[in-house]
């Protein structure tokens, strides 16, 4: 089975609650992952919180995204 994000909601600062298709739910803190030019706009919290669910993961309007497998591997930050 492929890992998919099926639902996502903004929590606070750089934290997002994610629901995966394998029934796992967790809160991830993405601040440590915001490295590189494509992720630079996401350091603005107002921009960060405007993600959408696309292609089974979270994505921002500038095309930045994270693989669902990577998101699943992150520690729970709740």
C-alpha atoms as a PDB file:
ATOM      1  CA  UNK A   1       0.000   0.000   0.000  1.00  0.00           C
ATOM      2  CA  UNK A   2       1.226   3.487  -0.870  1.00  0.00           C
ATOM      3  CA  UNK A   3       1.387   6.013   1.952  1.00  0.00           C
ATOM      4  CA  UNK A   4      -1.098   8.843   1.493  1.00  0.00           C
ATOM      5  CA  UNK A   5      -2.129  11.865   3.506  1.00  0.00           C
ATOM      6  CA  UNK A   6      -5.930  11.791   3.517  1.00  0.00           C
ATOM      7  CA  UNK A   7      -6.586  14.837   5.711  1.00  0.00           C
ATOM      8  CA  UNK A   8      -4.534  17.708   7.116  1.00  0.00           C
ATOM      9  CA  UNK A   9      -5.230  20.651   9.390  1.00  0.00           C
ATOM     10  CA  UNK A  10      -3.123  23.529  10.620  1.00  0.00           C
ATOM     11  CA  UNK A  11      -2.358  23.384  14.367  1.00  0.00           C
ATOM     12  CA  UNK A  12       0.013  26.276  15.223  1.00  0.00           C
ATOM     13  CA  UNK A  13       3.263  27.867  14.083  1.00  0.00           C
ATOM     14  CA  UNK A  14       4.811  25.164  11.825  1.00  0.00           C
ATOM     15  CA  UNK A  15       2.731  22.242  13.085  1.00  0.00           C
ATOM     16  CA  UNK A  16       0.195  20.330  11.025  1.00  0.00           C
ATOM     17  CA  UNK A  17      -2.033  17.440  12.112  1.00  0.00           C
ATOM     18  CA  UNK A  18      -1.994  14.695   9.480  1.00  0.00           C
ATOM     19  CA  UNK A  19      -4.216  11.682   8.905  1.00  0.00           C
ATOM     20  CA  UNK A  20      -2.710   8.882   6.811  1.00  0.00           C
ATOM     21  CA  UNK A  21      -4.408   6.100   4.890  1.00  0.00           C
ATOM     22  CA  UNK A  22      -2.889   3.522   7.285  1.00  0.00           C
ATOM     23  CA  UNK A  23      -4.999   4.987  10.153  1.00  0.00           C
ATOM     24  CA  UNK A  24      -2.036   6.854  11.718  1.00  0.00           C
ATOM     25  CA  UNK A  25      -2.746  10.393  12.919  1.00  0.00           C
ATOM     26  CA  UNK A  26       0.041  12.651  14.134  1.00  0.00           C
ATOM     27  CA  UNK A  27       1.106  16.247  14.509  1.00  0.00           C
ATOM     28  CA  UNK A  28       4.357  17.101  12.739  1.00  0.00           C
ATOM     29  CA  UNK A  29       6.544  20.156  13.268  1.00  0.00           C
ATOM     30  CA  UNK A  30       7.937  21.093   9.868  1.00  0.00           C
ATOM     31  CA  UNK A  31      10.170  23.999  10.930  1.00  0.00           C
ATOM     32  CA  UNK A  32      13.353  21.837  10.951  1.00  0.00           C
ATOM     33  CA  UNK A  33      12.468  20.643   7.429  1.00  0.00           C
ATOM     34  CA  UNK A  34      12.164  24.111   5.879  1.00  0.00           C
ATOM     35  CA  UNK A  35      15.580  24.098   4.185  1.00  0.00           C
ATOM     36  CA  UNK A  36      16.285  25.192   0.642  1.00  0.00           C
ATOM     37  CA  UNK A  37      14.993  27.919  -1.627  1.00  0.00           C
ATOM     38  CA  UNK A  38      11.623  26.291  -2.384  1.00  0.00           C
ATOM     39  CA  UNK A  39      10.808  26.157   1.340  1.00  0.00           C
ATOM     40  CA  UNK A  40      11.955  29.732   2.129  1.00  0.00           C
ATOM     41  CA  UNK A  41       8.459  31.274   1.656  1.00  0.00           C
ATOM     42  CA  UNK A  42       7.052  28.733   4.130  1.00  0.00           C
ATOM     43  CA  UNK A  43       9.028  30.354   6.944  1.00  0.00           C
ATOM     44  CA  UNK A  44       6.326  33.044   6.871  1.00  0.00           C
ATOM     45  CA  UNK A  45       3.649  31.484   9.104  1.00  0.00           C
ATOM     46  CA  UNK A  46       0.808  33.169   7.203  1.00  0.00           C
ATOM     47  CA  UNK A  47       2.056  31.528   3.994  1.00  0.00           C
ATOM     48  CA  UNK A  48       2.816  28.215   5.718  1.00  0.00           C
ATOM     49  CA  UNK A  49      -0.727  27.790   6.964  1.00  0.00           C
ATOM     50  CA  UNK A  50      -2.161  28.083   3.418  1.00  0.00           C
ATOM     51  CA  UNK A  51      -1.304  24.531   2.314  1.00  0.00           C
ATOM     52  CA  UNK A  52      -3.682  22.302   0.390  1.00  0.00           C
ATOM     53  CA  UNK A  53      -4.067  18.566   0.065  1.00  0.00           C
ATOM     54  CA  UNK A  54      -2.892  17.572  -3.418  1.00  0.00           C
ATOM     55  CA  UNK A  55      -1.561  14.349  -4.921  1.00  0.00           C
ATOM     56  CA  UNK A  56      -1.957  12.557  -1.573  1.00  0.00           C
ATOM     57  CA  UNK A  57       0.215  14.988   0.402  1.00  0.00           C
ATOM     58  CA  UNK A  58       0.337  18.631   1.506  1.00  0.00           C
ATOM     59  CA  UNK A  59       1.413  21.253  -0.998  1.00  0.00           C
ATOM     60  CA  UNK A  60       1.810  25.038  -1.104  1.00  0.00           C
ATOM     61  CA  UNK A  61       1.014  27.353  -4.003  1.00  0.00           C
ATOM     62  CA  UNK A  62       4.712  27.709  -4.899  1.00  0.00           C
ATOM     63  CA  UNK A  63       4.879  23.939  -5.541  1.00  0.00           C
ATOM     64  CA  UNK A  64       6.673  23.063  -2.298  1.00  0.00           C
ATOM     65  CA  UNK A  65       5.584  19.735  -0.838  1.00  0.00           C
ATOM     66  CA  UNK A  66       6.763  16.812   1.250  1.00  0.00           C
ATOM     67  CA  UNK A  67       6.544  13.155   0.333  1.00  0.00           C
ATOM     68  CA  UNK A  68       3.899  11.429   2.457  1.00  0.00           C
ATOM     69  CA  UNK A  69       6.466   8.785   3.451  1.00  0.00           C
ATOM     70  CA  UNK A  70       8.714  11.540   4.811  1.00  0.00           C
ATOM     71  CA  UNK A  71       5.843  13.084   6.769  1.00  0.00           C
ATOM     72  CA  UNK A  72       4.958   9.701   8.238  1.00  0.00           C
ATOM     73  CA  UNK A  73       8.587   9.201   9.345  1.00  0.00           C
ATOM     74  CA  UNK A  74       8.663  12.434  11.369  1.00  0.00           C
ATOM     75  CA  UNK A  75       8.224  12.232  15.149  1.00  0.00           C
ATOM     76  CA  UNK A  76       4.863  13.134  16.631  1.00  0.00           C
ATOM     77  CA  UNK A  77       5.031  16.729  17.901  1.00  0.00           C
ATOM     78  CA  UNK A  78       1.671  16.897  19.689  1.00  0.00           C
END
